[in-house]
Amino acid sequence: MRIDKYLNCVNITKRRAVAEDMCKNGVVSINGVVVKPAKDVKVGDIITIEYLQKSVKYEVLQIPSVKTISKTSQYEYVKEIQ
């Protein structure tokens, strides 16, 4: 699954266009490498998002098979790490 679709699907971003813009501006990296919106995400990858005030890291636990998941089941797909 593409990184922009994944961020939207697991409710990290509200819209796919926002995730796409974040990737194009160099804010999103996978395993320490800045990525483009079309980069594929695999189980075990570490996604880092550099916000203005902080940096947030997420571990990919599983790839969703549906377009969107509920916020209550977000923990099954992605885990925030420190």
PDB file of N, CA and C in Angstrom:
ATOM      1  N   MET A   1       0.857  -1.180   0.000  1.00  0.00           N
ATOM      2  CA  MET A   1       0.000   0.000   0.000  1.00  0.00           C
ATOM      3  C   MET A   1       0.901   1.240   0.000  1.00  0.00           C
ATOM      4  N   ARG A   2       0.508   2.238  -0.759  1.00  0.00           N
ATOM      5  CA  ARG A   2       1.255   3.493  -0.820  1.00  0.00           C
ATOM      6  C   ARG A   2       1.250   4.192   0.536  1.00  0.00           C
ATOM      7  N   ILE A   3       2.321   4.941   0.823  1.00  0.00           N
ATOM      8  CA  ILE A   3       2.437   5.624   2.110  1.00  0.00           C
ATOM      9  C   ILE A   3       1.345   6.671   2.296  1.00  0.00           C
ATOM     10  N   ASP A   4       0.975   7.404   1.250  1.00  0.00           N
ATOM     11  CA  ASP A   4      -0.067   8.420   1.408  1.00  0.00           C
ATOM     12  C   ASP A   4      -1.423   7.774   1.702  1.00  0.00           C
ATOM     13  N   LYS A   5      -1.713   6.663   1.040  1.00  0.00           N
ATOM     14  CA  LYS A   5      -2.963   5.948   1.313  1.00  0.00           C
ATOM     15  C   LYS A   5      -2.955   5.349   2.718  1.00  0.00           C
ATOM     16  N   TYR A   6      -1.797   4.825   3.132  1.00  0.00           N
ATOM     17  CA  TYR A   6      -1.696   4.202   4.452  1.00  0.00           C
ATOM     18  C   TYR A   6      -1.934   5.221   5.565  1.00  0.00           C
ATOM     19  N   LEU A   7      -1.304   6.385   5.464  1.00  0.00           N
ATOM     20  CA  LEU A   7      -1.475   7.415   6.496  1.00  0.00           C
ATOM     21  C   LEU A   7      -2.927   7.846   6.618  1.00  0.00           C
ATOM     22  N   ASN A   8      -3.622   7.930   5.490  1.00  0.00           N
ATOM     23  CA  ASN A   8      -5.033   8.293   5.512  1.00  0.00           C
ATOM     24  C   ASN A   8      -5.885   7.139   6.052  1.00  0.00           C
ATOM     25  N   CYS A   9      -5.594   5.941   5.629  1.00  0.00           N
ATOM     26  CA  CYS A   9      -6.398   4.771   5.988  1.00  0.00           C
ATOM     27  C   CYS A   9      -6.361   4.480   7.486  1.00  0.00           C
ATOM     28  N   VAL A  10      -5.192   4.645   8.121  1.00  0.00           N
ATOM     29  CA  VAL A  10      -5.077   4.339   9.549  1.00  0.00           C
ATOM     30  C   VAL A  10      -5.302   5.576  10.428  1.00  0.00           C
ATOM     31  N   ASN A  11      -5.875   6.622   9.847  1.00  0.00           N
ATOM     32  CA  ASN A  11      -6.306   7.819  10.569  1.00  0.00           C
ATOM     33  C   ASN A  11      -5.166   8.630  11.177  1.00  0.00           C
ATOM     34  N   ILE A  12      -3.998   8.631  10.548  1.00  0.00           N
ATOM     35  CA  ILE A  12      -2.923   9.517  10.984  1.00  0.00           C
ATOM     36  C   ILE A  12      -3.147  10.901  10.372  1.00  0.00           C
ATOM     37  N   THR A  13      -3.609  10.938   9.118  1.00  0.00           N
ATOM     38  CA  THR A  13      -4.003  12.202   8.488  1.00  0.00           C
ATOM     39  C   THR A  13      -5.492  12.126   8.147  1.00  0.00           C
ATOM     40  N   LYS A  14      -6.113  13.285   8.054  1.00  0.00           N
ATOM     41  CA  LYS A  14      -7.547  13.310   7.780  1.00  0.00           C
ATOM     42  C   LYS A  14      -7.880  13.058   6.316  1.00  0.00           C
ATOM     43  N   ARG A  15      -6.977  13.491   5.418  1.00  0.00           N
ATOM     44  CA  ARG A  15      -7.217  13.311   3.985  1.00  0.00           C
ATOM     45  C   ARG A  15      -5.948  12.820   3.307  1.00  0.00           C
ATOM     46  N   ARG A  16      -6.135  12.104   2.220  1.00  0.00           N
ATOM     47  CA  ARG A  16      -4.995  11.583   1.472  1.00  0.00           C
ATOM     48  C   ARG A  16      -4.182  12.717   0.851  1.00  0.00           C
ATOM     49  N   ALA A  17      -4.853  13.786   0.442  1.00  0.00           N
ATOM     50  CA  ALA A  17      -4.147  14.922  -0.154  1.00  0.00           C
ATOM     51  C   ALA A  17      -3.175  15.551   0.851  1.00  0.00           C
ATOM     52  N   VAL A  18      -3.551  15.570   2.116  1.00  0.00           N
ATOM     53  CA  VAL A  18      -2.667  16.099   3.161  1.00  0.00           C
ATOM     54  C   VAL A  18      -1.438  15.215   3.291  1.00  0.00           C
ATOM     55  N   ALA A  19      -1.651  13.896   3.316  1.00  0.00           N
ATOM     56  CA  ALA A  19      -0.533  12.948   3.407  1.00  0.00           C
ATOM     57  C   ALA A  19       0.380  13.077   2.185  1.00  0.00           C
ATOM     58  N   GLU A  20      -0.211  13.266   1.016  1.00  0.00           N
ATOM     59  CA  GLU A  20       0.564  13.416  -0.210  1.00  0.00           C
ATOM     60  C   GLU A  20       1.432  14.671  -0.157  1.00  0.00           C
ATOM     61  N   ASP A  21       0.872  15.777   0.312  1.00  0.00           N
ATOM     62  CA  ASP A  21       1.628  17.021   0.438  1.00  0.00           C
ATOM     63  C   ASP A  21       2.756  16.884   1.458  1.00  0.00           C
ATOM     64  N   MET A  22       2.488  16.177   2.555  1.00  0.00           N
ATOM     65  CA  MET A  22       3.522  15.964   3.571  1.00  0.00           C
ATOM     66  C   MET A  22       4.701  15.196   2.975  1.00  0.00           C
ATOM     67  N   CYS A  23       4.419  14.195   2.176  1.00  0.00           N
ATOM     68  CA  CYS A  23       5.478  13.414   1.535  1.00  0.00           C
ATOM     69  C   CYS A  23       6.261  14.260   0.535  1.00  0.00           C
ATOM     70  N   LYS A  24       5.552  15.055  -0.245  1.00  0.00           N
ATOM     71  CA  LYS A  24       6.213  15.883  -1.263  1.00  0.00           C
ATOM     72  C   LYS A  24       7.105  16.947  -0.635  1.00  0.00           C
ATOM     73  N   ASN A  25       6.772  17.383   0.589  1.00  0.00           N
ATOM     74  CA  ASN A  25       7.553  18.416   1.267  1.00  0.00           C
ATOM     75  C   ASN A  25       8.636  17.843   2.168  1.00  0.00           C
ATOM     76  N   GLY A  26       8.852  16.542   2.123  1.00  0.00           N
ATOM     77  CA  GLY A  26       9.949  15.937   2.872  1.00  0.00           C
ATOM     78  C   GLY A  26       9.711  15.769   4.352  1.00  0.00           C
ATOM     79  N   VAL A  27       8.465  15.726   4.771  1.00  0.00           N
ATOM     80  CA  VAL A  27       8.133  15.602   6.188  1.00  0.00           C
ATOM     81  C   VAL A  27       8.061  14.143   6.629  1.00  0.00           C
ATOM     82  N   VAL A  28       7.767  13.238   5.698  1.00  0.00           N
ATOM     83  CA  VAL A  28       7.558  11.826   6.020  1.00  0.00           C
ATOM     84  C   VAL A  28       8.775  11.011   5.585  1.00  0.00           C
ATOM     85  N   SER A  29       9.226  10.133   6.501  1.00  0.00           N
ATOM     86  CA  SER A  29      10.317   9.229   6.145  1.00  0.00           C
ATOM     87  C   SER A  29       9.984   7.816   6.621  1.00  0.00           C
ATOM     88  N   ILE A  30      10.506   6.835   5.910  1.00  0.00           N
ATOM     89  CA  ILE A  30      10.342   5.428   6.278  1.00  0.00           C
ATOM     90  C   ILE A  30      11.729   4.865   6.522  1.00  0.00           C
ATOM     91  N   ASN A  31      11.932   4.325   7.712  1.00  0.00           N
ATOM     92  CA  ASN A  31      13.227   3.757   8.112  1.00  0.00           C
ATOM     93  C   ASN A  31      14.370   4.745   7.890  1.00  0.00           C
ATOM     94  N   GLY A  32      14.114   6.031   8.182  1.00  0.00           N
ATOM     95  CA  GLY A  32      15.150   7.053   8.093  1.00  0.00           C
ATOM     96  C   GLY A  32      15.375   7.652   6.720  1.00  0.00           C
ATOM     97  N   VAL A  33      14.596   7.247   5.714  1.00  0.00           N
ATOM     98  CA  VAL A  33      14.759   7.755   4.353  1.00  0.00           C
ATOM     99  C   VAL A  33      13.511   8.544   3.967  1.00  0.00           C
ATOM    100  N   VAL A  34      13.687   9.808   3.559  1.00  0.00           N
ATOM    101  CA  VAL A  34      12.565  10.639   3.117  1.00  0.00           C
ATOM    102  C   VAL A  34      11.971   9.999   1.871  1.00  0.00           C
ATOM    103  N   VAL A  35      10.637   9.892   1.847  1.00  0.00           N
ATOM    104  CA  VAL A  35       9.970   9.160   0.774  1.00  0.00           C
ATOM    105  C   VAL A  35       8.997  10.024  -0.006  1.00  0.00           C
ATOM    106  N   LYS A  36       8.673   9.560  -1.213  1.00  0.00           N
ATOM    107  CA  LYS A  36       7.657  10.172  -2.055  1.00  0.00           C
ATOM    108  C   LYS A  36       6.314   9.505  -1.744  1.00  0.00           C
ATOM    109  N   PRO A  37       5.186  10.103  -2.167  1.00  0.00           N
ATOM    110  CA  PRO A  37       3.860   9.556  -1.845  1.00  0.00           C
ATOM    111  C   PRO A  37       3.608   8.147  -2.370  1.00  0.00           C
ATOM    112  N   ALA A  38       4.302   7.720  -3.406  1.00  0.00           N
ATOM    113  CA  ALA A  38       4.043   6.406  -4.006  1.00  0.00           C
ATOM    114  C   ALA A  38       4.845   5.275  -3.366  1.00  0.00           C
ATOM    115  N   LYS A  39       5.676   5.569  -2.381  1.00  0.00           N
ATOM    116  CA  LYS A  39       6.501   4.541  -1.735  1.00  0.00           C
ATOM    117  C   LYS A  39       5.610   3.528  -1.018  1.00  0.00           C
ATOM    118  N   ASP A  40       5.903   2.247  -1.216  1.00  0.00           N
ATOM    119  CA  ASP A  40       5.121   1.188  -0.576  1.00  0.00           C
ATOM    120  C   ASP A  40       5.532   1.002   0.879  1.00  0.00           C
ATOM    121  N   VAL A  41       4.539   0.715   1.715  1.00  0.00           N
ATOM    122  CA  VAL A  41       4.753   0.454   3.132  1.00  0.00           C
ATOM    123  C   VAL A  41       4.679  -1.051   3.357  1.00  0.00           C
ATOM    124  N   LYS A  42       5.589  -1.570   4.194  1.00  0.00           N
ATOM    125  CA  LYS A  42       5.587  -2.987   4.531  1.00  0.00           C
ATOM    126  C   LYS A  42       5.482  -3.145   6.044  1.00  0.00           C
ATOM    127  N   VAL A  43       5.040  -4.296   6.491  1.00  0.00           N
ATOM    128  CA  VAL A  43       4.945  -4.580   7.920  1.00  0.00           C
ATOM    129  C   VAL A  43       6.343  -4.499   8.525  1.00  0.00           C
ATOM    130  N   GLY A  44       6.447  -3.806   9.656  1.00  0.00           N
ATOM    131  CA  GLY A  44       7.726  -3.650  10.331  1.00  0.00           C
ATOM    132  C   GLY A  44       8.425  -2.344  10.043  1.00  0.00           C
ATOM    133  N   ASP A  45       7.947  -1.586   9.047  1.00  0.00           N
ATOM    134  CA  ASP A  45       8.550  -0.292   8.728  1.00  0.00           C
ATOM    135  C   ASP A  45       8.307   0.700   9.858  1.00  0.00           C
ATOM    136  N   ILE A  46       9.255   1.632  10.027  1.00  0.00           N
ATOM    137  CA  ILE A  46       9.107   2.717  10.990  1.00  0.00           C
ATOM    138  C   ILE A  46       8.871   3.997  10.200  1.00  0.00           C
ATOM    139  N   ILE A  47       7.699   4.601  10.387  1.00  0.00           N
ATOM    140  CA  ILE A  47       7.330   5.841   9.705  1.00  0.00           C
ATOM    141  C   ILE A  47       7.591   6.997  10.670  1.00  0.00           C
ATOM    142  N   THR A  48       8.345   7.988  10.223  1.00  0.00           N
ATOM    143  CA  THR A  48       8.630   9.170  11.035  1.00  0.00           C
ATOM    144  C   THR A  48       8.001  10.378  10.357  1.00  0.00           C
ATOM    145  N   ILE A  49       7.255  11.162  11.142  1.00  0.00           N
ATOM    146  CA  ILE A  49       6.648  12.393  10.643  1.00  0.00           C
ATOM    147  C   ILE A  49       7.240  13.550  11.439  1.00  0.00           C
ATOM    148  N   GLU A  50       7.860  14.491  10.728  1.00  0.00           N
ATOM    149  CA  GLU A  50       8.508  15.643  11.359  1.00  0.00           C
ATOM    150  C   GLU A  50       7.546  16.832  11.353  1.00  0.00           C
ATOM    151  N   TYR A  51       6.898  17.063  12.492  1.00  0.00           N
ATOM    152  CA  TYR A  51       6.053  18.248  12.640  1.00  0.00           C
ATOM    153  C   TYR A  51       6.939  19.431  13.036  1.00  0.00           C
ATOM    154  N   LEU A  52       6.390  20.641  13.101  1.00  0.00           N
ATOM    155  CA  LEU A  52       7.179  21.817  13.454  1.00  0.00           C
ATOM    156  C   LEU A  52       7.755  21.718  14.864  1.00  0.00           C
ATOM    157  N   GLN A  53       6.973  21.248  15.812  1.00  0.00           N
ATOM    158  CA  GLN A  53       7.387  21.219  17.206  1.00  0.00           C
ATOM    159  C   GLN A  53       7.934  19.876  17.667  1.00  0.00           C
ATOM    160  N   LYS A  54       7.591  18.800  16.966  1.00  0.00           N
ATOM    161  CA  LYS A  54       7.980  17.477  17.441  1.00  0.00           C
ATOM    162  C   LYS A  54       8.115  16.506  16.280  1.00  0.00           C
ATOM    163  N   SER A  55       8.643  15.351  16.600  1.00  0.00           N
ATOM    164  CA  SER A  55       8.775  14.264  15.637  1.00  0.00           C
ATOM    165  C   SER A  55       8.036  13.058  16.208  1.00  0.00           C
ATOM    166  N   VAL A  56       7.204  12.422  15.375  1.00  0.00           N
ATOM    167  CA  VAL A  56       6.413  11.278  15.827  1.00  0.00           C
ATOM    168  C   VAL A  56       6.786  10.064  14.992  1.00  0.00           C
ATOM    169  N   LYS A  57       7.010   8.930  15.675  1.00  0.00           N
ATOM    170  CA  LYS A  57       7.359   7.693  14.978  1.00  0.00           C
ATOM    171  C   LYS A  57       6.245   6.674  15.160  1.00  0.00           C
ATOM    172  N   TYR A  58       5.954   5.955  14.079  1.00  0.00           N
ATOM    173  CA  TYR A  58       4.935   4.912  14.090  1.00  0.00           C
ATOM    174  C   TYR A  58       5.537   3.634  13.531  1.00  0.00           C
ATOM    175  N   GLU A  59       5.151   2.505  14.101  1.00  0.00           N
ATOM    176  CA  GLU A  59       5.549   1.209  13.577  1.00  0.00           C
ATOM    177  C   GLU A  59       4.365   0.588  12.860  1.00  0.00           C
ATOM    178  N   VAL A  60       4.603   0.089  11.645  1.00  0.00           N
ATOM    179  CA  VAL A  60       3.551  -0.549  10.854  1.00  0.00           C
ATOM    180  C   VAL A  60       3.374  -1.977  11.359  1.00  0.00           C
ATOM    181  N   LEU A  61       2.191  -2.278  11.892  1.00  0.00           N
ATOM    182  CA  LEU A  61       1.913  -3.612  12.419  1.00  0.00           C
ATOM    183  C   LEU A  61       1.241  -4.503  11.389  1.00  0.00           C
ATOM    184  N   GLN A  62       0.425  -3.886  10.540  1.00  0.00           N
ATOM    185  CA  GLN A  62      -0.337  -4.663   9.560  1.00  0.00           C
ATOM    186  C   GLN A  62      -0.848  -3.711   8.492  1.00  0.00           C
ATOM    187  N   ILE A  63      -1.078  -4.240   7.306  1.00  0.00           N
ATOM    188  CA  ILE A  63      -1.578  -3.440   6.183  1.00  0.00           C
ATOM    189  C   ILE A  63      -3.082  -3.673   6.066  1.00  0.00           C
ATOM    190  N   PRO A  64      -3.902  -2.617   6.140  1.00  0.00           N
ATOM    191  CA  PRO A  64      -5.355  -2.792   6.038  1.00  0.00           C
ATOM    192  C   PRO A  64      -5.786  -3.249   4.642  1.00  0.00           C
ATOM    193  N   SER A  65      -6.831  -4.050   4.607  1.00  0.00           N
ATOM    194  CA  SER A  65      -7.354  -4.525   3.320  1.00  0.00           C
ATOM    195  C   SER A  65      -8.572  -3.714   2.869  1.00  0.00           C
ATOM    196  N   VAL A  66      -9.066  -2.834   3.735  1.00  0.00           N
ATOM    197  CA  VAL A  66     -10.215  -1.984   3.403  1.00  0.00           C
ATOM    198  C   VAL A  66      -9.742  -0.544   3.250  1.00  0.00           C
ATOM    199  N   LYS A  67     -10.610   0.298   2.692  1.00  0.00           N
ATOM    200  CA  LYS A  67     -10.228   1.684   2.404  1.00  0.00           C
ATOM    201  C   LYS A  67     -10.009   2.502   3.678  1.00  0.00           C
ATOM    202  N   THR A  68     -10.896   2.353   4.655  1.00  0.00           N
ATOM    203  CA  THR A  68     -10.742   3.072   5.913  1.00  0.00           C
ATOM    204  C   THR A  68     -11.034   2.135   7.076  1.00  0.00           C
ATOM    205  N   ILE A  69     -10.393   2.424   8.196  1.00  0.00           N
ATOM    206  CA  ILE A  69     -10.640   1.641   9.406  1.00  0.00           C
ATOM    207  C   ILE A  69     -11.154   2.592  10.478  1.00  0.00           C
ATOM    208  N   SER A  70     -11.790   2.043  11.498  1.00  0.00           N
ATOM    209  CA  SER A  70     -12.313   2.882  12.572  1.00  0.00           C
ATOM    210  C   SER A  70     -11.175   3.291  13.505  1.00  0.00           C
ATOM    211  N   LYS A  71     -11.359   4.414  14.179  1.00  0.00           N
ATOM    212  CA  LYS A  71     -10.336   4.891  15.108  1.00  0.00           C
ATOM    213  C   LYS A  71     -10.105   3.899  16.240  1.00  0.00           C
ATOM    214  N   THR A  72     -11.138   3.151  16.605  1.00  0.00           N
ATOM    215  CA  THR A  72     -10.989   2.205  17.706  1.00  0.00           C
ATOM    216  C   THR A  72     -10.112   1.013  17.343  1.00  0.00           C
ATOM    217  N   SER A  73     -10.007   0.692  16.053  1.00  0.00           N
ATOM    218  CA  SER A  73      -9.166  -0.433  15.652  1.00  0.00           C
ATOM    219  C   SER A  73      -7.828   0.027  15.078  1.00  0.00           C
ATOM    220  N   GLN A  74      -7.497   1.302  15.244  1.00  0.00           N
ATOM    221  CA  GLN A  74      -6.241   1.844  14.732  1.00  0.00           C
ATOM    222  C   GLN A  74      -5.032   1.141  15.356  1.00  0.00           C
ATOM    223  N   TYR A  75      -5.107   0.764  16.622  1.00  0.00           N
ATOM    224  CA  TYR A  75      -3.989   0.130  17.321  1.00  0.00           C
ATOM    225  C   TYR A  75      -3.597  -1.222  16.712  1.00  0.00           C
ATOM    226  N   GLU A  76      -4.474  -1.833  15.931  1.00  0.00           N
ATOM    227  CA  GLU A  76      -4.164  -3.109  15.284  1.00  0.00           C
ATOM    228  C   GLU A  76      -3.244  -2.927  14.082  1.00  0.00           C
ATOM    229  N   TYR A  77      -3.216  -1.733  13.515  1.00  0.00           N
ATOM    230  CA  TYR A  77      -2.486  -1.472  12.279  1.00  0.00           C
ATOM    231  C   TYR A  77      -1.228  -0.653  12.463  1.00  0.00           C
ATOM    232  N   VAL A  78      -1.229   0.222  13.450  1.00  0.00           N
ATOM    233  CA  VAL A  78      -0.098   1.119  13.646  1.00  0.00           C
ATOM    234  C   VAL A  78       0.105   1.364  15.142  1.00  0.00           C
ATOM    235  N   LYS A  79       1.389   1.484  15.546  1.00  0.00           N
ATOM    236  CA  LYS A  79       1.696   1.721  16.952  1.00  0.00           C
ATOM    237  C   LYS A  79       2.649   2.893  17.032  1.00  0.00           C
ATOM    238  N   GLU A  80       2.309   3.893  17.871  1.00  0.00           N
ATOM    239  CA  GLU A  80       3.200   5.029  18.060  1.00  0.00           C
ATOM    240  C   GLU A  80       4.329   4.613  18.998  1.00  0.00           C
ATOM    241  N   ILE A  81       5.562   4.900  18.598  1.00  0.00           N
ATOM    242  CA  ILE A  81       6.710   4.539  19.422  1.00  0.00           C
ATOM    243  C   ILE A  81       7.484   5.798  19.797  1.00  0.00           C
ATOM    244  N   GLN A  82       8.240   5.690  20.824  1.00  0.00           N
ATOM    245  CA  GLN A  82       9.016   6.846  21.330  1.00  0.00           C
ATOM    246  C   GLN A  82      10.453   6.788  20.865  1.00  0.00           C
TER     247      GLN A  82
END
